Amino acid sequence: FPSHDNRCKTNPTHIDPRKRQRNSVAKYFAFKTLLKLQAKQLGFELGNYLDAVYVIPMPNSWSSKKKKEMNGLPCMVKPDCDNITKAVKDALKDNDGDVWWEKAEKRWGYKGSIIIFC
């Protein structure tokens, strides 16, 4: 049976159920991989502070009127802002212990994105 660390990195559809990971874990690793790739393409490296806005995409089920009203307003649903911040730091830093200052907020938007101010 693989160690806990290796278990998190296995295929979610692996033929052996003991080597599968939960879909949420698979999504987390896909998010980290994509964020690392985008940061590398932009030549971005996270320093020892983080100032970010997380734009959460509005649900397709919302009417156009509701979307227009909510665009840019604070988002107060899951995922929690601190959980997104932790994922961002985990993706962009090998050791995020040197991050001494962070500010983050979640807002509704038409398209999901992460805006990091340098």
N, C-alpha and C. Protein backbone atom coordinates (compact mmCIF):
# COMPACT_ATOMS: atom_id res chain seq x y z
N PHE A 1 0.85 -1.18 0.00
CA PHE A 1 0.00 0.00 0.00
C PHE A 1 0.89 1.24 0.00
N PRO A 2 0.65 2.21 -0.90
CA PRO A 2 1.54 3.37 -0.99
C PRO A 2 1.45 4.24 0.24
N SER A 3 2.53 4.98 0.48
CA SER A 3 2.51 5.92 1.60
C SER A 3 1.48 7.00 1.35
N HIS A 4 1.14 7.75 2.38
CA HIS A 4 0.12 8.80 2.24
C HIS A 4 0.52 9.81 1.17
N ASP A 5 1.78 10.24 1.15
CA ASP A 5 2.22 11.23 0.17
C ASP A 5 2.05 10.72 -1.26
N ASN A 6 2.43 9.47 -1.49
CA ASN A 6 2.31 8.92 -2.83
C ASN A 6 0.84 8.70 -3.21
N ARG A 7 0.01 8.38 -2.25
CA ARG A 7 -1.40 8.14 -2.52
C ARG A 7 -2.06 9.38 -3.09
N CYS A 8 -1.68 10.56 -2.62
CA CYS A 8 -2.28 11.80 -3.09
C CYS A 8 -1.94 12.08 -4.55
N LYS A 9 -0.89 11.47 -5.05
CA LYS A 9 -0.42 11.78 -6.40
C LYS A 9 -0.83 10.71 -7.42
N THR A 10 -1.64 9.73 -7.01
CA THR A 10 -2.01 8.66 -7.93
C THR A 10 -3.20 9.07 -8.79
N ASN A 11 -3.48 8.27 -9.78
CA ASN A 11 -4.55 8.51 -10.74
C ASN A 11 -5.91 8.26 -10.10
N PRO A 12 -6.88 9.21 -10.25
CA PRO A 12 -8.19 9.03 -9.63
C PRO A 12 -9.00 7.89 -10.25
N THR A 13 -8.61 7.42 -11.44
CA THR A 13 -9.33 6.32 -12.09
C THR A 13 -8.49 5.05 -12.15
N HIS A 14 -7.47 4.98 -11.31
CA HIS A 14 -6.58 3.81 -11.30
C HIS A 14 -7.39 2.53 -11.12
N ILE A 15 -6.97 1.46 -11.77
CA ILE A 15 -7.68 0.19 -11.70
C ILE A 15 -7.69 -0.38 -10.27
N ASP A 16 -6.65 -0.11 -9.51
CA ASP A 16 -6.57 -0.55 -8.12
C ASP A 16 -7.19 0.53 -7.23
N PRO A 17 -8.32 0.23 -6.58
CA PRO A 17 -8.99 1.25 -5.76
C PRO A 17 -8.11 1.84 -4.67
N ARG A 18 -7.12 1.06 -4.19
CA ARG A 18 -6.23 1.57 -3.14
C ARG A 18 -5.28 2.63 -3.68
N LYS A 19 -5.14 2.73 -4.99
CA LYS A 19 -4.23 3.70 -5.58
C LYS A 19 -4.97 4.88 -6.21
N ARG A 20 -6.25 4.99 -5.92
CA ARG A 20 -7.04 6.11 -6.44
C ARG A 20 -7.00 7.26 -5.46
N GLN A 21 -7.24 8.44 -5.97
CA GLN A 21 -7.37 9.60 -5.11
C GLN A 21 -8.77 10.18 -5.30
N ARG A 22 -9.22 10.93 -4.32
CA ARG A 22 -10.53 11.57 -4.43
C ARG A 22 -10.48 12.60 -5.55
N ASN A 23 -11.64 12.86 -6.15
CA ASN A 23 -11.70 13.85 -7.23
C ASN A 23 -11.26 15.22 -6.76
N SER A 24 -11.59 15.57 -5.52
CA SER A 24 -11.18 16.88 -5.01
C SER A 24 -9.66 17.00 -4.96
N VAL A 25 -8.98 15.92 -4.63
CA VAL A 25 -7.51 15.92 -4.60
C VAL A 25 -6.97 16.04 -6.02
N ALA A 26 -7.59 15.33 -6.95
CA ALA A 26 -7.17 15.41 -8.35
C ALA A 26 -7.34 16.83 -8.89
N LYS A 27 -8.45 17.48 -8.55
CA LYS A 27 -8.68 18.86 -8.98
C LYS A 27 -7.65 19.80 -8.37
N TYR A 28 -7.29 19.57 -7.11
CA TYR A 28 -6.30 20.40 -6.43
C TYR A 28 -4.95 20.31 -7.15
N PHE A 29 -4.51 19.10 -7.48
CA PHE A 29 -3.24 18.94 -8.17
C PHE A 29 -3.30 19.51 -9.58
N ALA A 30 -4.44 19.40 -10.25
CA ALA A 30 -4.59 19.99 -11.58
C ALA A 30 -4.50 21.52 -11.49
N PHE A 31 -5.12 22.10 -10.45
CA PHE A 31 -5.06 23.54 -10.23
C PHE A 31 -3.62 23.98 -10.00
N LYS A 32 -2.89 23.27 -9.13
CA LYS A 32 -1.50 23.62 -8.86
C LYS A 32 -0.65 23.54 -10.12
N THR A 33 -0.83 22.49 -10.89
CA THR A 33 -0.06 22.30 -12.12
C THR A 33 -0.32 23.44 -13.11
N LEU A 34 -1.59 23.80 -13.30
CA LEU A 34 -1.94 24.87 -14.21
C LEU A 34 -1.39 26.21 -13.73
N LEU A 35 -1.51 26.49 -12.44
CA LEU A 35 -1.01 27.75 -11.90
C LEU A 35 0.50 27.86 -12.04
N LYS A 36 1.21 26.77 -11.76
CA LYS A 36 2.67 26.76 -11.94
C LYS A 36 3.05 27.03 -13.39
N LEU A 37 2.34 26.38 -14.32
CA LEU A 37 2.61 26.55 -15.74
C LEU A 37 2.37 28.00 -16.17
N GLN A 38 1.25 28.57 -15.75
CA GLN A 38 0.95 29.95 -16.13
C GLN A 38 1.96 30.93 -15.54
N ALA A 39 2.37 30.71 -14.29
CA ALA A 39 3.37 31.58 -13.66
C ALA A 39 4.69 31.47 -14.41
N LYS A 40 5.06 30.27 -14.80
CA LYS A 40 6.32 30.08 -15.54
C LYS A 40 6.25 30.79 -16.89
N GLN A 41 5.12 30.67 -17.58
CA GLN A 41 4.96 31.32 -18.89
C GLN A 41 5.05 32.84 -18.77
N LEU A 42 4.58 33.38 -17.65
CA LEU A 42 4.61 34.83 -17.44
C LEU A 42 5.91 35.31 -16.80
N GLY A 43 6.76 34.36 -16.41
CA GLY A 43 7.99 34.72 -15.72
C GLY A 43 7.73 35.26 -14.32
N PHE A 44 6.65 34.81 -13.70
CA PHE A 44 6.25 35.30 -12.38
C PHE A 44 6.77 34.39 -11.28
N GLU A 45 7.35 35.00 -10.25
CA GLU A 45 7.74 34.27 -9.05
C GLU A 45 7.14 34.99 -7.86
N LEU A 46 6.52 34.23 -6.98
CA LEU A 46 5.93 34.80 -5.78
C LEU A 46 7.03 35.11 -4.78
N GLY A 47 7.06 36.34 -4.31
CA GLY A 47 8.05 36.74 -3.33
C GLY A 47 7.61 36.37 -1.92
N ASN A 48 7.94 37.24 -0.96
CA ASN A 48 7.59 36.91 0.43
C ASN A 48 6.35 37.67 0.90
N TYR A 49 5.53 38.13 -0.04
CA TYR A 49 4.23 38.69 0.29
C TYR A 49 3.24 38.32 -0.82
N LEU A 50 1.96 38.34 -0.48
CA LEU A 50 0.92 37.99 -1.46
C LEU A 50 -0.22 38.99 -1.32
N ASP A 51 -0.56 39.63 -2.41
CA ASP A 51 -1.70 40.55 -2.49
C ASP A 51 -2.51 40.08 -3.69
N ALA A 52 -3.68 39.49 -3.43
CA ALA A 52 -4.41 38.83 -4.51
C ALA A 52 -5.91 39.07 -4.45
N VAL A 53 -6.53 38.99 -5.62
CA VAL A 53 -7.98 38.97 -5.75
C VAL A 53 -8.33 37.69 -6.48
N TYR A 54 -9.23 36.92 -5.90
CA TYR A 54 -9.71 35.69 -6.52
C TYR A 54 -11.08 35.98 -7.10
N VAL A 55 -11.19 35.88 -8.41
CA VAL A 55 -12.47 36.13 -9.09
C VAL A 55 -13.15 34.78 -9.26
N ILE A 56 -14.28 34.64 -8.59
CA ILE A 56 -15.03 33.39 -8.62
C ILE A 56 -16.09 33.49 -9.72
N PRO A 57 -16.12 32.52 -10.63
CA PRO A 57 -17.10 32.61 -11.72
C PRO A 57 -18.53 32.45 -11.20
N MET A 58 -19.40 33.29 -11.71
CA MET A 58 -20.81 33.23 -11.31
C MET A 58 -21.46 31.99 -11.92
N PRO A 59 -22.37 31.36 -11.18
CA PRO A 59 -23.03 30.14 -11.69
C PRO A 59 -23.81 30.40 -12.98
N ASN A 60 -23.77 29.44 -13.88
CA ASN A 60 -24.53 29.54 -15.13
C ASN A 60 -26.03 29.65 -14.87
N SER A 61 -26.47 29.13 -13.74
CA SER A 61 -27.91 29.15 -13.42
C SER A 61 -28.42 30.56 -13.08
N TRP A 62 -27.51 31.49 -12.80
CA TRP A 62 -27.94 32.86 -12.49
C TRP A 62 -28.43 33.56 -13.75
N SER A 63 -29.42 34.40 -13.58
CA SER A 63 -29.94 35.18 -14.70
C SER A 63 -28.90 36.24 -15.09
N SER A 64 -29.05 36.76 -16.30
CA SER A 64 -28.16 37.84 -16.76
C SER A 64 -28.27 39.05 -15.85
N LYS A 65 -29.49 39.33 -15.39
CA LYS A 65 -29.72 40.47 -14.50
C LYS A 65 -28.96 40.28 -13.19
N LYS A 66 -29.06 39.08 -12.61
CA LYS A 66 -28.37 38.81 -11.34
C LYS A 66 -26.86 38.89 -11.54
N LYS A 67 -26.36 38.34 -12.64
CA LYS A 67 -24.92 38.40 -12.91
C LYS A 67 -24.44 39.84 -13.01
N LYS A 68 -25.22 40.67 -13.68
CA LYS A 68 -24.84 42.07 -13.82
C LYS A 68 -24.80 42.76 -12.46
N GLU A 69 -25.76 42.43 -11.58
CA GLU A 69 -25.81 43.02 -10.25
C GLU A 69 -24.67 42.54 -9.36
N MET A 70 -24.28 41.28 -9.49
CA MET A 70 -23.30 40.67 -8.59
C MET A 70 -21.86 40.83 -9.07
N ASN A 71 -21.65 41.15 -10.33
CA ASN A 71 -20.29 41.25 -10.88
C ASN A 71 -19.43 42.22 -10.06
N GLY A 72 -18.32 41.72 -9.54
CA GLY A 72 -17.39 42.54 -8.78
C GLY A 72 -17.69 42.63 -7.29
N LEU A 73 -18.84 42.12 -6.87
CA LEU A 73 -19.18 42.17 -5.44
C LEU A 73 -18.45 41.06 -4.69
N PRO A 74 -18.29 41.22 -3.37
CA PRO A 74 -17.65 40.18 -2.57
C PRO A 74 -18.37 38.84 -2.69
N CYS A 75 -17.60 37.78 -2.77
CA CYS A 75 -18.12 36.42 -2.85
C CYS A 75 -17.98 35.79 -1.47
N MET A 76 -19.09 35.36 -0.91
CA MET A 76 -19.06 34.83 0.45
C MET A 76 -19.49 33.37 0.52
N VAL A 77 -19.12 32.60 -0.50
CA VAL A 77 -19.40 31.16 -0.52
C VAL A 77 -18.08 30.41 -0.62
N LYS A 78 -18.13 29.11 -0.43
CA LYS A 78 -16.92 28.29 -0.53
C LYS A 78 -16.42 28.29 -1.96
N PRO A 79 -15.15 28.14 -2.20
CA PRO A 79 -14.09 27.85 -1.22
C PRO A 79 -13.72 29.08 -0.41
N ASP A 80 -13.26 28.84 0.80
CA ASP A 80 -12.83 29.92 1.67
C ASP A 80 -11.61 30.63 1.09
N CYS A 81 -11.55 31.92 1.32
CA CYS A 81 -10.45 32.74 0.81
C CYS A 81 -9.09 32.22 1.30
N ASP A 82 -9.03 31.84 2.58
CA ASP A 82 -7.75 31.35 3.11
C ASP A 82 -7.33 30.03 2.48
N ASN A 83 -8.29 29.21 2.09
CA ASN A 83 -7.95 27.95 1.43
C ASN A 83 -7.39 28.19 0.03
N ILE A 84 -7.96 29.16 -0.68
CA ILE A 84 -7.42 29.50 -2.00
C ILE A 84 -6.01 30.07 -1.84
N THR A 85 -5.83 30.93 -0.86
CA THR A 85 -4.51 31.52 -0.61
C THR A 85 -3.48 30.43 -0.33
N LYS A 86 -3.83 29.47 0.49
CA LYS A 86 -2.91 28.37 0.80
C LYS A 86 -2.56 27.58 -0.46
N ALA A 87 -3.55 27.32 -1.31
CA ALA A 87 -3.29 26.58 -2.55
C ALA A 87 -2.38 27.38 -3.49
N VAL A 88 -2.60 28.68 -3.55
CA VAL A 88 -1.75 29.54 -4.39
C VAL A 88 -0.31 29.50 -3.89
N LYS A 89 -0.13 29.66 -2.58
CA LYS A 89 1.23 29.63 -2.02
C LYS A 89 1.87 28.26 -2.22
N ASP A 90 1.11 27.19 -2.03
CA ASP A 90 1.64 25.84 -2.24
C ASP A 90 2.09 25.64 -3.69
N ALA A 91 1.33 26.22 -4.63
CA ALA A 91 1.67 26.05 -6.05
C ALA A 91 2.88 26.88 -6.46
N LEU A 92 2.98 28.08 -5.90
CA LEU A 92 4.00 29.02 -6.39
C LEU A 92 5.27 29.09 -5.55
N LYS A 93 5.29 28.44 -4.40
CA LYS A 93 6.47 28.46 -3.54
C LYS A 93 6.81 27.04 -3.10
N ASP A 94 8.10 26.70 -3.15
CA ASP A 94 8.52 25.41 -2.60
C ASP A 94 8.40 25.42 -1.09
N ASN A 95 8.73 26.56 -0.49
CA ASN A 95 8.62 26.72 0.95
C ASN A 95 7.96 28.07 1.20
N ASP A 96 6.70 28.04 1.60
CA ASP A 96 5.97 29.30 1.76
C ASP A 96 6.10 29.88 3.17
N GLY A 97 7.00 29.34 3.96
CA GLY A 97 7.21 29.85 5.31
C GLY A 97 7.76 31.26 5.35
N ASP A 98 8.35 31.73 4.24
CA ASP A 98 8.91 33.08 4.22
C ASP A 98 7.90 34.15 3.81
N VAL A 99 6.66 33.73 3.51
CA VAL A 99 5.62 34.71 3.19
C VAL A 99 5.19 35.35 4.51
N TRP A 100 5.51 36.62 4.66
CA TRP A 100 5.28 37.30 5.93
C TRP A 100 4.05 38.20 5.91
N TRP A 101 3.52 38.49 4.72
CA TRP A 101 2.35 39.37 4.61
C TRP A 101 1.46 38.86 3.50
N GLU A 102 0.15 38.82 3.77
CA GLU A 102 -0.77 38.42 2.72
C GLU A 102 -2.10 39.14 2.87
N LYS A 103 -2.66 39.50 1.73
CA LYS A 103 -3.97 40.13 1.66
C LYS A 103 -4.68 39.50 0.48
N ALA A 104 -5.91 39.06 0.71
CA ALA A 104 -6.64 38.41 -0.37
C ALA A 104 -8.13 38.67 -0.20
N GLU A 105 -8.81 38.69 -1.33
CA GLU A 105 -10.26 38.84 -1.31
C GLU A 105 -10.86 38.03 -2.45
N LYS A 106 -12.13 37.65 -2.28
CA LYS A 106 -12.87 36.92 -3.31
C LYS A 106 -13.99 37.81 -3.82
N ARG A 107 -14.12 37.85 -5.13
CA ARG A 107 -15.20 38.63 -5.74
C ARG A 107 -15.83 37.82 -6.86
N TRP A 108 -17.09 38.10 -7.12
CA TRP A 108 -17.80 37.44 -8.22
C TRP A 108 -17.34 38.05 -9.54
N GLY A 109 -17.30 37.23 -10.58
CA GLY A 109 -16.95 37.71 -11.91
C GLY A 109 -17.52 36.80 -12.98
N TYR A 110 -17.51 37.27 -14.21
CA TYR A 110 -18.02 36.47 -15.31
C TYR A 110 -17.11 35.28 -15.61
N LYS A 111 -15.81 35.49 -15.38
CA LYS A 111 -14.83 34.43 -15.65
C LYS A 111 -13.91 34.31 -14.43
N GLY A 112 -13.65 33.11 -14.01
CA GLY A 112 -12.77 32.89 -12.87
C GLY A 112 -11.33 33.25 -13.20
N SER A 113 -10.65 33.86 -12.23
CA SER A 113 -9.25 34.20 -12.43
C SER A 113 -8.61 34.51 -11.08
N ILE A 114 -7.30 34.58 -11.10
CA ILE A 114 -6.53 34.98 -9.93
C ILE A 114 -5.68 36.18 -10.35
N ILE A 115 -5.83 37.25 -9.63
CA ILE A 115 -5.06 38.46 -9.92
C ILE A 115 -4.08 38.67 -8.77
N ILE A 116 -2.79 38.64 -9.06
CA ILE A 116 -1.77 38.83 -8.02
C ILE A 116 -1.06 40.14 -8.33
N PHE A 117 -1.05 41.02 -7.34
CA PHE A 117 -0.40 42.32 -7.50
C PHE A 117 1.06 42.21 -7.05
N CYS A 118 1.95 42.78 -7.83
CA CYS A 118 3.39 42.72 -7.52
C CYS A 118 3.85 44.05 -6.96
